[in-house]
Amino acid sequence: MARKRTEDEVKAGAPEWMNTYGDMVTLLLTFFILLFSMSTVDIAKFRAFINSMEGSIGILAGGSTIGDGSEVGNGINQLPDLEKFLEETTKQVEMQSIEELKKMHADFKTYIKENNLEGKIAAQLSDYYVTLTFDDGVLFDSGQANLKPSAVDILDKLGVQLSKYPNNRIRFEGHTDNRPINTAQFPSNWELSAARAIAVAKYYINELKFNPKQFSTEGFGEYVPIANNATPEGRAKNRRVEIKILSEYASYSGINEPLIQ
């Protein structure tokens, strides 16, 4: 007499409830994509959307599955071309980023002119940011990293316009000419350029109460010249502090934009 089976035979494939779950996820994903496609793209929300989708439909690391998962996968495969949609949306966001930077650049140029800062600060437009460059001697005395008393008024005026961009990353960069320095405080131009960038950033944090999470600082020494160090005029141009305000797209997307252009 055959032995009575005490355990149910395990069926191949995913459990039936997974089909319903897969359909639900598919419908929800389609619903949110439709809502998103009909809305005006907001850069910060777009990044949050992408991150959530990556986490929601990504493949989990781990062991083997119970079944082949084909029934669950069919629902996702029936979606419109999600990759194409995301690519088109990314292009739309990048175009919005370009317009954002153009407006930012124009606003800074207007502000500089209206506040009599021409000849002290220059605004330049780049792919991922607007660069504000302080002319030689505006902020610091030669070989020093302490802000000049006259620099405070300039930084205060500029701070009014900078405060309009609380969602943008802001980078402070120090640069020098190629004349060597060797003091107890600054053994090389690396230390001098970094100290100057930090001094400007700390002023905005300590005195004007900017969010330090928004800031980063870098010192490049003499290694990123913008003019010929063979002439006094060229060296004066190379001695500078730059403030780079990244676009919201670059700020939120984590783009490793080129530091040197």
C-alpha atoms as a PDB file:
ATOM      1  CA  MET A   1       0.000   0.000   0.000  1.00  0.00           C
ATOM      2  CA  ALA A   2       1.383   3.388  -0.976  1.00  0.00           C
ATOM      3  CA  ARG A   3       2.400   5.715   1.810  1.00  0.00           C
ATOM      4  CA  LYS A   4      -0.016   8.591   2.362  1.00  0.00           C
ATOM      5  CA  ARG A   5       1.477  11.908   1.312  1.00  0.00           C
ATOM      6  CA  THR A   6       1.766  14.223   4.307  1.00  0.00           C
ATOM      7  CA  GLU A   7       3.046  17.357   2.537  1.00  0.00           C
ATOM      8  CA  ASP A   8       1.548  19.279  -0.334  1.00  0.00           C
ATOM      9  CA  GLU A   9       3.551  19.231  -3.476  1.00  0.00           C
ATOM     10  CA  VAL A  10       5.307  22.539  -4.081  1.00  0.00           C
ATOM     11  CA  LYS A  11       4.077  24.127  -7.287  1.00  0.00           C
ATOM     12  CA  ALA A  12       6.534  25.616  -9.739  1.00  0.00           C
ATOM     13  CA  GLY A  13       6.534  29.341 -10.380  1.00  0.00           C
ATOM     14  CA  ALA A  14       5.601  32.300  -8.223  1.00  0.00           C
ATOM     15  CA  PRO A  15       2.597  32.201  -5.847  1.00  0.00           C
ATOM     16  CA  GLU A  16      -0.704  33.383  -7.342  1.00  0.00           C
ATOM     17  CA  TRP A  17      -0.822  36.462  -5.132  1.00  0.00           C
ATOM     18  CA  MET A  18       2.328  37.700  -6.841  1.00  0.00           C
ATOM     19  CA  ASN A  19       0.374  38.129 -10.076  1.00  0.00           C
ATOM     20  CA  THR A  20      -2.046  40.509  -8.390  1.00  0.00           C
ATOM     21  CA  TYR A  21       0.823  42.315  -6.709  1.00  0.00           C
ATOM     22  CA  GLY A  22       2.657  42.679 -10.002  1.00  0.00           C
ATOM     23  CA  ASP A  23      -0.432  44.096 -11.692  1.00  0.00           C
ATOM     24  CA  MET A  24      -0.901  46.569  -8.852  1.00  0.00           C
ATOM     25  CA  VAL A  25       2.708  47.767  -9.076  1.00  0.00           C
ATOM     26  CA  THR A  26       2.357  48.110 -12.848  1.00  0.00           C
ATOM     27  CA  LEU A  27      -0.812  50.189 -12.546  1.00  0.00           C
ATOM     28  CA  LEU A  28       0.675  52.413  -9.857  1.00  0.00           C
ATOM     29  CA  LEU A  29       3.846  52.974 -11.859  1.00  0.00           C
ATOM     30  CA  THR A  30       1.852  53.815 -14.994  1.00  0.00           C
ATOM     31  CA  PHE A  31      -0.378  56.171 -13.003  1.00  0.00           C
ATOM     32  CA  PHE A  32       2.543  58.107 -11.559  1.00  0.00           C
ATOM     33  CA  ILE A  33       4.313  58.275 -14.908  1.00  0.00           C
ATOM     34  CA  LEU A  34       1.190  59.776 -16.484  1.00  0.00           C
ATOM     35  CA  LEU A  35       0.867  62.317 -13.688  1.00  0.00           C
ATOM     36  CA  PHE A  36       4.525  63.180 -13.980  1.00  0.00           C
ATOM     37  CA  SER A  37       4.423  63.558 -17.761  1.00  0.00           C
ATOM     38  CA  MET A  38       1.519  66.023 -17.546  1.00  0.00           C
ATOM     39  CA  SER A  39       3.170  68.212 -14.926  1.00  0.00           C
ATOM     40  CA  THR A  40       5.789  70.929 -15.145  1.00  0.00           C
ATOM     41  CA  VAL A  41       9.136  69.333 -14.414  1.00  0.00           C
ATOM     42  CA  ASP A  42      10.638  70.382 -11.094  1.00  0.00           C
ATOM     43  CA  ILE A  43      14.306  69.451 -10.850  1.00  0.00           C
ATOM     44  CA  ALA A  44      14.344  68.455  -7.204  1.00  0.00           C
ATOM     45  CA  LYS A  45      11.139  66.431  -7.563  1.00  0.00           C
ATOM     46  CA  PHE A  46      12.483  64.819 -10.714  1.00  0.00           C
ATOM     47  CA  ARG A  47      15.547  63.535  -8.875  1.00  0.00           C
ATOM     48  CA  ALA A  48      13.390  62.234  -6.050  1.00  0.00           C
ATOM     49  CA  PHE A  49      11.161  60.522  -8.618  1.00  0.00           C
ATOM     50  CA  ILE A  50      14.082  58.832 -10.347  1.00  0.00           C
ATOM     51  CA  ASN A  51      15.576  57.684  -7.052  1.00  0.00           C
ATOM     52  CA  SER A  52      12.266  56.262  -5.869  1.00  0.00           C
ATOM     53  CA  MET A  53      11.737  54.413  -9.147  1.00  0.00           C
ATOM     54  CA  GLU A  54      15.225  52.952  -8.986  1.00  0.00           C
ATOM     55  CA  GLY A  55      14.508  51.684  -5.506  1.00  0.00           C
ATOM     56  CA  SER A  56      11.005  50.449  -6.324  1.00  0.00           C
ATOM     57  CA  ILE A  57      11.599  48.456  -9.484  1.00  0.00           C
ATOM     58  CA  GLY A  58      15.274  47.671  -9.067  1.00  0.00           C
ATOM     59  CA  ILE A  59      16.519  44.114  -8.683  1.00  0.00           C
ATOM     60  CA  LEU A  60      17.218  43.219  -5.098  1.00  0.00           C
ATOM     61  CA  ALA A  61      20.539  41.640  -4.262  1.00  0.00           C
ATOM     62  CA  GLY A  62      20.206  38.222  -2.713  1.00  0.00           C
ATOM     63  CA  GLY A  63      19.731  34.520  -3.383  1.00  0.00           C
ATOM     64  CA  SER A  64      17.779  32.527  -5.918  1.00  0.00           C
ATOM     65  CA  THR A  65      14.046  32.849  -6.596  1.00  0.00           C
ATOM     66  CA  ILE A  66      11.346  30.226  -6.024  1.00  0.00           C
ATOM     67  CA  GLY A  67      10.124  30.261  -9.613  1.00  0.00           C
ATOM     68  CA  ASP A  68      11.043  31.743 -12.940  1.00  0.00           C
ATOM     69  CA  GLY A  69       9.128  34.942 -12.182  1.00  0.00           C
ATOM     70  CA  SER A  70       7.864  35.232 -15.747  1.00  0.00           C
ATOM     71  CA  GLU A  71       4.275  35.973 -14.733  1.00  0.00           C
ATOM     72  CA  VAL A  72       5.337  38.895 -12.553  1.00  0.00           C
ATOM     73  CA  GLY A  73       7.823  40.198 -15.100  1.00  0.00           C
ATOM     74  CA  ASN A  74       5.265  40.288 -17.892  1.00  0.00           C
ATOM     75  CA  GLY A  75       3.458  43.203 -16.260  1.00  0.00           C
ATOM     76  CA  ILE A  76       6.573  45.361 -16.214  1.00  0.00           C
ATOM     77  CA  ASN A  77       7.498  44.359 -19.762  1.00  0.00           C
ATOM     78  CA  GLN A  78       4.129  45.551 -21.022  1.00  0.00           C
ATOM     79  CA  LEU A  79       4.816  49.143 -19.910  1.00  0.00           C
ATOM     80  CA  PRO A  80       5.583  51.778 -22.549  1.00  0.00           C
ATOM     81  CA  ASP A  81       9.250  52.358 -23.155  1.00  0.00           C
ATOM     82  CA  LEU A  82      10.150  53.680 -19.702  1.00  0.00           C
ATOM     83  CA  GLU A  83      13.781  54.188 -20.633  1.00  0.00           C
ATOM     84  CA  LYS A  84      12.812  56.404 -23.564  1.00  0.00           C
ATOM     85  CA  PHE A  85      10.439  58.372 -21.359  1.00  0.00           C
ATOM     86  CA  LEU A  86      13.125  58.970 -18.752  1.00  0.00           C
ATOM     87  CA  GLU A  87      15.614  59.986 -21.433  1.00  0.00           C
ATOM     88  CA  GLU A  88      13.205  62.540 -22.897  1.00  0.00           C
ATOM     89  CA  THR A  89      12.335  63.848 -19.443  1.00  0.00           C
ATOM     90  CA  THR A  90      16.026  64.173 -18.581  1.00  0.00           C
ATOM     91  CA  LYS A  91      16.558  66.245 -21.728  1.00  0.00           C
ATOM     92  CA  GLN A  92      13.656  68.448 -20.700  1.00  0.00           C
ATOM     93  CA  VAL A  93      15.205  68.944 -17.266  1.00  0.00           C
ATOM     94  CA  GLU A  94      18.599  69.740 -18.792  1.00  0.00           C
ATOM     95  CA  MET A  95      17.003  72.374 -21.017  1.00  0.00           C
ATOM     96  CA  GLN A  96      15.301  73.814 -17.968  1.00  0.00           C
ATOM     97  CA  SER A  97      18.691  73.849 -16.230  1.00  0.00           C
ATOM     98  CA  ILE A  98      20.220  75.834 -19.097  1.00  0.00           C
ATOM     99  CA  GLU A  99      17.440  78.406 -18.890  1.00  0.00           C
ATOM    100  CA  GLU A 100      17.892  78.557 -15.106  1.00  0.00           C
ATOM    101  CA  LEU A 101      21.606  79.301 -15.507  1.00  0.00           C
ATOM    102  CA  LYS A 102      21.017  81.933 -18.189  1.00  0.00           C
ATOM    103  CA  LYS A 103      18.561  83.746 -15.942  1.00  0.00           C
ATOM    104  CA  MET A 104      20.877  83.424 -12.946  1.00  0.00           C
ATOM    105  CA  HIS A 105      23.771  84.856 -14.959  1.00  0.00           C
ATOM    106  CA  ALA A 106      21.676  87.774 -16.216  1.00  0.00           C
ATOM    107  CA  ASP A 107      20.367  88.480 -12.704  1.00  0.00           C
ATOM    108  CA  PHE A 108      23.875  88.552 -11.222  1.00  0.00           C
ATOM    109  CA  LYS A 109      25.172  90.852 -13.973  1.00  0.00           C
ATOM    110  CA  THR A 110      22.274  93.231 -13.378  1.00  0.00           C
ATOM    111  CA  TYR A 111      22.759  93.094  -9.617  1.00  0.00           C
ATOM    112  CA  ILE A 112      26.502  93.748  -9.909  1.00  0.00           C
ATOM    113  CA  LYS A 113      25.877  96.782 -12.099  1.00  0.00           C
ATOM    114  CA  GLU A 114      23.072  98.204  -9.948  1.00  0.00           C
ATOM    115  CA  ASN A 115      25.144  97.875  -6.754  1.00  0.00           C
ATOM    116  CA  ASN A 116      28.329  99.433  -8.146  1.00  0.00           C
ATOM    117  CA  LEU A 117      30.280  96.181  -7.948  1.00  0.00           C
ATOM    118  CA  GLU A 118      31.648  96.320 -11.495  1.00  0.00           C
ATOM    119  CA  GLY A 119      35.428  96.197 -11.450  1.00  0.00           C
ATOM    120  CA  LYS A 120      35.280  94.150  -8.257  1.00  0.00           C
ATOM    121  CA  ILE A 121      33.185  91.122  -9.269  1.00  0.00           C
ATOM    122  CA  ALA A 122      32.641  89.568 -12.710  1.00  0.00           C
ATOM    123  CA  ALA A 123      29.935  87.003 -13.573  1.00  0.00           C
ATOM    124  CA  GLN A 124      30.534  84.282 -16.167  1.00  0.00           C
ATOM    125  CA  LEU A 125      28.231  81.563 -17.499  1.00  0.00           C
ATOM    126  CA  SER A 126      29.317  77.914 -17.778  1.00  0.00           C
ATOM    127  CA  ASP A 127      27.624  74.598 -18.527  1.00  0.00           C
ATOM    128  CA  TYR A 128      26.754  73.728 -14.945  1.00  0.00           C
ATOM    129  CA  TYR A 129      27.225  76.910 -12.939  1.00  0.00           C
ATOM    130  CA  VAL A 130      27.614  80.668 -12.834  1.00  0.00           C
ATOM    131  CA  THR A 131      31.075  81.826 -11.743  1.00  0.00           C
ATOM    132  CA  LEU A 132      31.597  85.008  -9.728  1.00  0.00           C
ATOM    133  CA  THR A 133      35.231  86.140  -9.806  1.00  0.00           C
ATOM    134  CA  PHE A 134      36.682  88.683  -7.384  1.00  0.00           C
ATOM    135  CA  ASP A 135      39.373  90.877  -8.901  1.00  0.00           C
ATOM    136  CA  ASP A 136      42.853  90.874  -7.385  1.00  0.00           C
ATOM    137  CA  GLY A 137      43.145  92.749  -4.119  1.00  0.00           C
ATOM    138  CA  VAL A 138      39.386  93.127  -3.538  1.00  0.00           C
ATOM    139  CA  LEU A 139      39.233  90.678  -0.637  1.00  0.00           C
ATOM    140  CA  PHE A 140      42.795  90.110   0.613  1.00  0.00           C
ATOM    141  CA  ASP A 141      46.150  91.793   0.979  1.00  0.00           C
ATOM    142  CA  SER A 142      49.132  90.176  -0.715  1.00  0.00           C
ATOM    143  CA  GLY A 143      50.104  86.865   0.897  1.00  0.00           C
ATOM    144  CA  GLN A 144      47.263  87.071   3.440  1.00  0.00           C
ATOM    145  CA  ALA A 145      44.030  85.150   4.026  1.00  0.00           C
ATOM    146  CA  ASN A 146      42.306  87.571   6.408  1.00  0.00           C
ATOM    147  CA  LEU A 147      39.478  89.504   4.798  1.00  0.00           C
ATOM    148  CA  LYS A 148      40.187  93.195   4.315  1.00  0.00           C
ATOM    149  CA  PRO A 149      37.788  95.551   6.163  1.00  0.00           C
ATOM    150  CA  SER A 150      36.627  96.902   2.803  1.00  0.00           C
ATOM    151  CA  ALA A 151      35.745  93.367   1.659  1.00  0.00           C
ATOM    152  CA  VAL A 152      32.943  93.039   4.198  1.00  0.00           C
ATOM    153  CA  ASP A 153      30.646  95.513   2.441  1.00  0.00           C
ATOM    154  CA  ILE A 154      31.224  93.776  -0.902  1.00  0.00           C
ATOM    155  CA  LEU A 155      30.475  90.330   0.519  1.00  0.00           C
ATOM    156  CA  ASP A 156      27.379  91.664   2.283  1.00  0.00           C
ATOM    157  CA  LYS A 157      26.001  93.135  -0.925  1.00  0.00           C
ATOM    158  CA  LEU A 158      26.698  89.953  -2.861  1.00  0.00           C
ATOM    159  CA  GLY A 159      25.148  87.893  -0.067  1.00  0.00           C
ATOM    160  CA  VAL A 160      21.755  89.478  -0.720  1.00  0.00           C
ATOM    161  CA  GLN A 161      21.728  88.010  -4.226  1.00  0.00           C
ATOM    162  CA  LEU A 162      23.313  84.702  -3.185  1.00  0.00           C
ATOM    163  CA  SER A 163      20.567  84.166  -0.610  1.00  0.00           C
ATOM    164  CA  LYS A 164      18.063  83.815  -3.460  1.00  0.00           C
ATOM    165  CA  TYR A 165      19.511  80.381  -4.285  1.00  0.00           C
ATOM    166  CA  PRO A 166      19.017  78.252  -1.144  1.00  0.00           C
ATOM    167  CA  ASN A 167      18.649  75.030  -3.163  1.00  0.00           C
ATOM    168  CA  ASN A 168      21.860  75.403  -5.158  1.00  0.00           C
ATOM    169  CA  ARG A 169      25.257  74.078  -4.183  1.00  0.00           C
ATOM    170  CA  ILE A 170      27.839  76.850  -3.928  1.00  0.00           C
ATOM    171  CA  ARG A 171      31.563  76.212  -4.274  1.00  0.00           C
ATOM    172  CA  PHE A 172      34.313  78.597  -3.150  1.00  0.00           C
ATOM    173  CA  GLU A 173      37.649  78.286  -4.954  1.00  0.00           C
ATOM    174  CA  GLY A 174      40.969  79.969  -4.198  1.00  0.00           C
ATOM    175  CA  HIS A 175      43.689  80.555  -6.819  1.00  0.00           C
ATOM    176  CA  THR A 176      47.128  82.193  -6.766  1.00  0.00           C
ATOM    177  CA  ASP A 177      49.813  83.202  -9.236  1.00  0.00           C
ATOM    178  CA  ASN A 178      52.980  81.122  -9.617  1.00  0.00           C
ATOM    179  CA  ARG A 179      55.193  83.149  -7.298  1.00  0.00           C
ATOM    180  CA  PRO A 180      56.223  80.863  -4.430  1.00  0.00           C
ATOM    181  CA  ILE A 181      55.293  81.517  -0.828  1.00  0.00           C
ATOM    182  CA  ASN A 182      56.925  79.873   2.184  1.00  0.00           C
ATOM    183  CA  THR A 183      55.801  81.169   5.557  1.00  0.00           C
ATOM    184  CA  ALA A 184      54.931  79.473   8.825  1.00  0.00           C
ATOM    185  CA  GLN A 185      51.239  80.023   8.098  1.00  0.00           C
ATOM    186  CA  PHE A 186      51.344  79.221   4.374  1.00  0.00           C
ATOM    187  CA  PRO A 187      54.132  76.802   3.389  1.00  0.00           C
ATOM    188  CA  SER A 188      52.921  76.902  -0.220  1.00  0.00           C
ATOM    189  CA  ASN A 189      50.287  78.385  -2.498  1.00  0.00           C
ATOM    190  CA  TRP A 190      48.072  75.358  -1.772  1.00  0.00           C
ATOM    191  CA  GLU A 191      47.558  76.501   1.808  1.00  0.00           C
ATOM    192  CA  LEU A 192      47.109  80.158   0.861  1.00  0.00           C
ATOM    193  CA  SER A 193      44.501  79.488  -1.822  1.00  0.00           C
ATOM    194  CA  ALA A 194      42.568  77.060   0.395  1.00  0.00           C
ATOM    195  CA  ALA A 195      42.628  79.461   3.353  1.00  0.00           C
ATOM    196  CA  ARG A 196      41.220  82.260   1.211  1.00  0.00           C
ATOM    197  CA  ALA A 197      38.370  80.106  -0.096  1.00  0.00           C
ATOM    198  CA  ILE A 198      37.551  78.996   3.448  1.00  0.00           C
ATOM    199  CA  ALA A 199      37.662  82.578   4.748  1.00  0.00           C
ATOM    200  CA  VAL A 200      34.989  83.706   2.280  1.00  0.00           C
ATOM    201  CA  ALA A 201      32.787  80.660   2.896  1.00  0.00           C
ATOM    202  CA  LYS A 202      33.041  81.034   6.682  1.00  0.00           C
ATOM    203  CA  TYR A 203      32.070  84.692   6.471  1.00  0.00           C
ATOM    204  CA  TYR A 204      28.812  83.776   4.757  1.00  0.00           C
ATOM    205  CA  ILE A 205      28.178  80.986   7.259  1.00  0.00           C
ATOM    206  CA  ASN A 206      29.123  82.816  10.457  1.00  0.00           C
ATOM    207  CA  GLU A 207      28.054  86.368   9.666  1.00  0.00           C
ATOM    208  CA  LEU A 208      25.231  85.995   7.150  1.00  0.00           C
ATOM    209  CA  LYS A 209      23.915  82.643   8.445  1.00  0.00           C
ATOM    210  CA  PHE A 210      24.054  80.670   5.210  1.00  0.00           C
ATOM    211  CA  ASN A 211      23.522  76.916   5.432  1.00  0.00           C
ATOM    212  CA  PRO A 212      26.981  75.259   5.552  1.00  0.00           C
ATOM    213  CA  LYS A 213      25.557  72.152   3.857  1.00  0.00           C
ATOM    214  CA  GLN A 214      25.205  74.285   0.754  1.00  0.00           C
ATOM    215  CA  PHE A 215      28.923  75.092   0.594  1.00  0.00           C
ATOM    216  CA  SER A 216      32.191  73.445  -0.366  1.00  0.00           C
ATOM    217  CA  THR A 217      35.689  74.941  -0.592  1.00  0.00           C
ATOM    218  CA  GLU A 218      38.773  74.155  -2.667  1.00  0.00           C
ATOM    219  CA  GLY A 219      42.258  75.560  -3.042  1.00  0.00           C
ATOM    220  CA  PHE A 220      44.012  75.136  -6.389  1.00  0.00           C
ATOM    221  CA  GLY A 221      47.226  77.031  -5.706  1.00  0.00           C
ATOM    222  CA  GLU A 222      48.860  78.271  -8.904  1.00  0.00           C
ATOM    223  CA  TYR A 223      47.781  75.272 -10.967  1.00  0.00           C
ATOM    224  CA  VAL A 224      44.661  76.631 -12.696  1.00  0.00           C
ATOM    225  CA  PRO A 225      45.829  79.922 -14.252  1.00  0.00           C
ATOM    226  CA  ILE A 226      43.540  81.940 -16.503  1.00  0.00           C
ATOM    227  CA  ALA A 227      46.304  84.245 -17.758  1.00  0.00           C
ATOM    228  CA  ASN A 228      50.033  84.279 -18.448  1.00  0.00           C
ATOM    229  CA  ASN A 229      52.089  84.390 -15.249  1.00  0.00           C
ATOM    230  CA  ALA A 230      54.973  85.997 -17.147  1.00  0.00           C
ATOM    231  CA  THR A 231      53.392  89.457 -16.871  1.00  0.00           C
ATOM    232  CA  PRO A 232      52.210  91.469 -13.843  1.00  0.00           C
ATOM    233  CA  GLU A 233      48.780  91.805 -15.440  1.00  0.00           C
ATOM    234  CA  GLY A 234      48.526  88.049 -15.956  1.00  0.00           C
ATOM    235  CA  ARG A 235      49.586  87.290 -12.401  1.00  0.00           C
ATOM    236  CA  ALA A 236      46.991  89.740 -11.090  1.00  0.00           C
ATOM    237  CA  LYS A 237      44.250  87.896 -13.003  1.00  0.00           C
ATOM    238  CA  ASN A 238      45.422  84.554 -11.644  1.00  0.00           C
ATOM    239  CA  ARG A 239      45.224  85.763  -8.033  1.00  0.00           C
ATOM    240  CA  ARG A 240      41.518  85.374  -7.499  1.00  0.00           C
ATOM    241  CA  VAL A 241      38.679  83.864  -5.507  1.00  0.00           C
ATOM    242  CA  GLU A 242      35.793  82.334  -7.422  1.00  0.00           C
ATOM    243  CA  ILE A 243      32.290  81.525  -6.221  1.00  0.00           C
ATOM    244  CA  LYS A 244      30.523  78.958  -8.376  1.00  0.00           C
ATOM    245  CA  ILE A 245      26.746  78.602  -8.030  1.00  0.00           C
ATOM    246  CA  LEU A 246      25.700  75.287  -9.520  1.00  0.00           C
ATOM    247  CA  SER A 247      22.367  74.864 -11.257  1.00  0.00           C
ATOM    248  CA  GLU A 248      19.685  73.015  -9.319  1.00  0.00           C
ATOM    249  CA  TYR A 249      19.989  70.142 -11.797  1.00  0.00           C
ATOM    250  CA  ALA A 250      23.721  69.761 -11.110  1.00  0.00           C
ATOM    251  CA  SER A 251      23.118  70.256  -7.379  1.00  0.00           C
ATOM    252  CA  TYR A 252      20.543  67.468  -7.103  1.00  0.00           C
ATOM    253  CA  SER A 253      21.737  65.038  -9.756  1.00  0.00           C
ATOM    254  CA  GLY A 254      25.194  64.555  -8.276  1.00  0.00           C
ATOM    255  CA  ILE A 255      26.820  65.364 -11.585  1.00  0.00           C
ATOM    256  CA  ASN A 256      30.607  65.379 -11.368  1.00  0.00           C
ATOM    257  CA  GLU A 257      30.838  68.458 -13.541  1.00  0.00           C
ATOM    258  CA  PRO A 258      34.294  69.441 -14.805  1.00  0.00           C
ATOM    259  CA  LEU A 259      36.097  71.571 -12.243  1.00  0.00           C
ATOM    260  CA  ILE A 260      38.487  73.043 -14.782  1.00  0.00           C
ATOM    261  CA  GLN A 261      37.285  74.493 -18.066  1.00  0.00           C
END
